[in-house]
Protein backbone atom coordinates (compact mmCIF):
# COMPACT_ATOMS: atom_id res chain seq x y z
CA MET A 1 0.00 0.00 0.00
CA ASP A 2 1.48 3.32 -1.07
CA LEU A 3 0.87 6.39 1.01
CA LEU A 4 1.26 9.87 -0.41
CA LEU A 5 1.75 13.11 1.47
CA ALA A 6 -1.20 15.29 0.46
CA ALA A 7 -0.16 18.47 2.31
CA GLY A 8 2.23 19.81 4.92
CA PHE A 9 1.97 22.89 7.09
CA GLU A 10 4.23 25.00 9.24
CA ILE A 11 2.92 26.33 12.54
CA VAL A 12 5.17 28.74 14.42
CA MET A 13 5.00 28.24 18.18
CA PRO A 14 6.93 29.74 21.11
CA SER A 15 10.35 28.15 21.53
CA ASN A 16 11.12 25.93 24.47
CA TYR A 17 14.84 25.74 23.70
CA ILE A 18 16.55 27.62 26.54
CA PRO A 19 19.97 28.14 24.85
CA TRP A 20 18.23 30.09 22.03
CA GLY A 21 16.46 32.36 24.50
CA GLY A 22 13.51 30.27 25.66
CA PRO A 23 9.88 31.14 24.94
CA GLY A 24 10.25 34.92 24.94
CA PRO A 25 7.98 37.55 26.48
CA GLU A 26 4.42 36.60 27.39
CA ALA A 27 2.87 39.04 24.91
CA SER A 28 4.89 37.48 22.08
CA ARG A 29 3.94 33.96 23.17
CA ARG A 30 0.25 34.83 23.29
CA GLN A 31 0.41 36.46 19.85
CA ARG A 32 2.12 33.40 18.31
CA ILE A 33 -0.36 31.03 19.90
CA GLY A 34 -3.28 33.14 18.66
CA VAL A 35 -1.94 33.08 15.10
CA ALA A 36 -1.34 29.33 15.40
CA ARG A 37 -4.91 28.68 16.54
CA GLU A 38 -6.29 30.54 13.53
CA LYS A 39 -4.04 28.61 11.16
CA ILE A 40 -4.93 25.28 12.78
CA ALA A 41 -8.62 26.01 12.21
CA LYS A 42 -7.89 26.70 8.52
CA ILE A 43 -5.80 23.54 8.24
CA ALA A 44 -8.58 21.47 9.83
CA ALA A 45 -11.06 22.79 7.24
CA MET A 46 -8.63 21.87 4.43
CA VAL A 47 -8.24 18.37 5.85
CA VAL A 48 -12.01 17.91 6.02
CA ARG A 49 -12.21 18.99 2.35
CA ARG A 50 -9.35 16.57 1.57
CA GLU A 51 -7.40 19.28 -0.22
CA GLN A 52 -4.05 18.38 -1.72
CA LEU A 53 -1.55 21.19 -1.34
CA PRO A 54 2.21 21.62 -1.61
CA VAL A 55 4.19 21.23 1.59
CA GLU A 56 4.90 24.56 3.28
CA LYS A 57 8.56 25.24 3.84
CA GLY A 58 10.02 27.36 6.59
CA PRO A 59 12.77 29.94 6.30
CA LEU A 60 15.85 29.01 4.24
CA TRP A 61 18.08 28.81 7.32
CA GLN A 62 15.77 26.22 8.88
CA ASN A 63 15.67 24.17 5.68
CA ILE A 64 19.46 24.12 5.53
CA LEU A 65 19.99 23.47 9.23
CA PHE A 66 17.29 20.84 9.84
CA SER A 67 16.88 19.04 6.50
């Protein structure tokens, strides 16, 4: 059975990596979480509609560092 990736999404969340500065100020964390909640709702609707979309890619430095 072949499985295909139909979509991929990036959701920016507050960091929990202490050496890179931790989660940041509370206002910034709340703003990121609010944006993430909105995007998750949109993603959920796309999944329900079974949309096939290209995989979202993060910033170039992340693609180089983590791929």
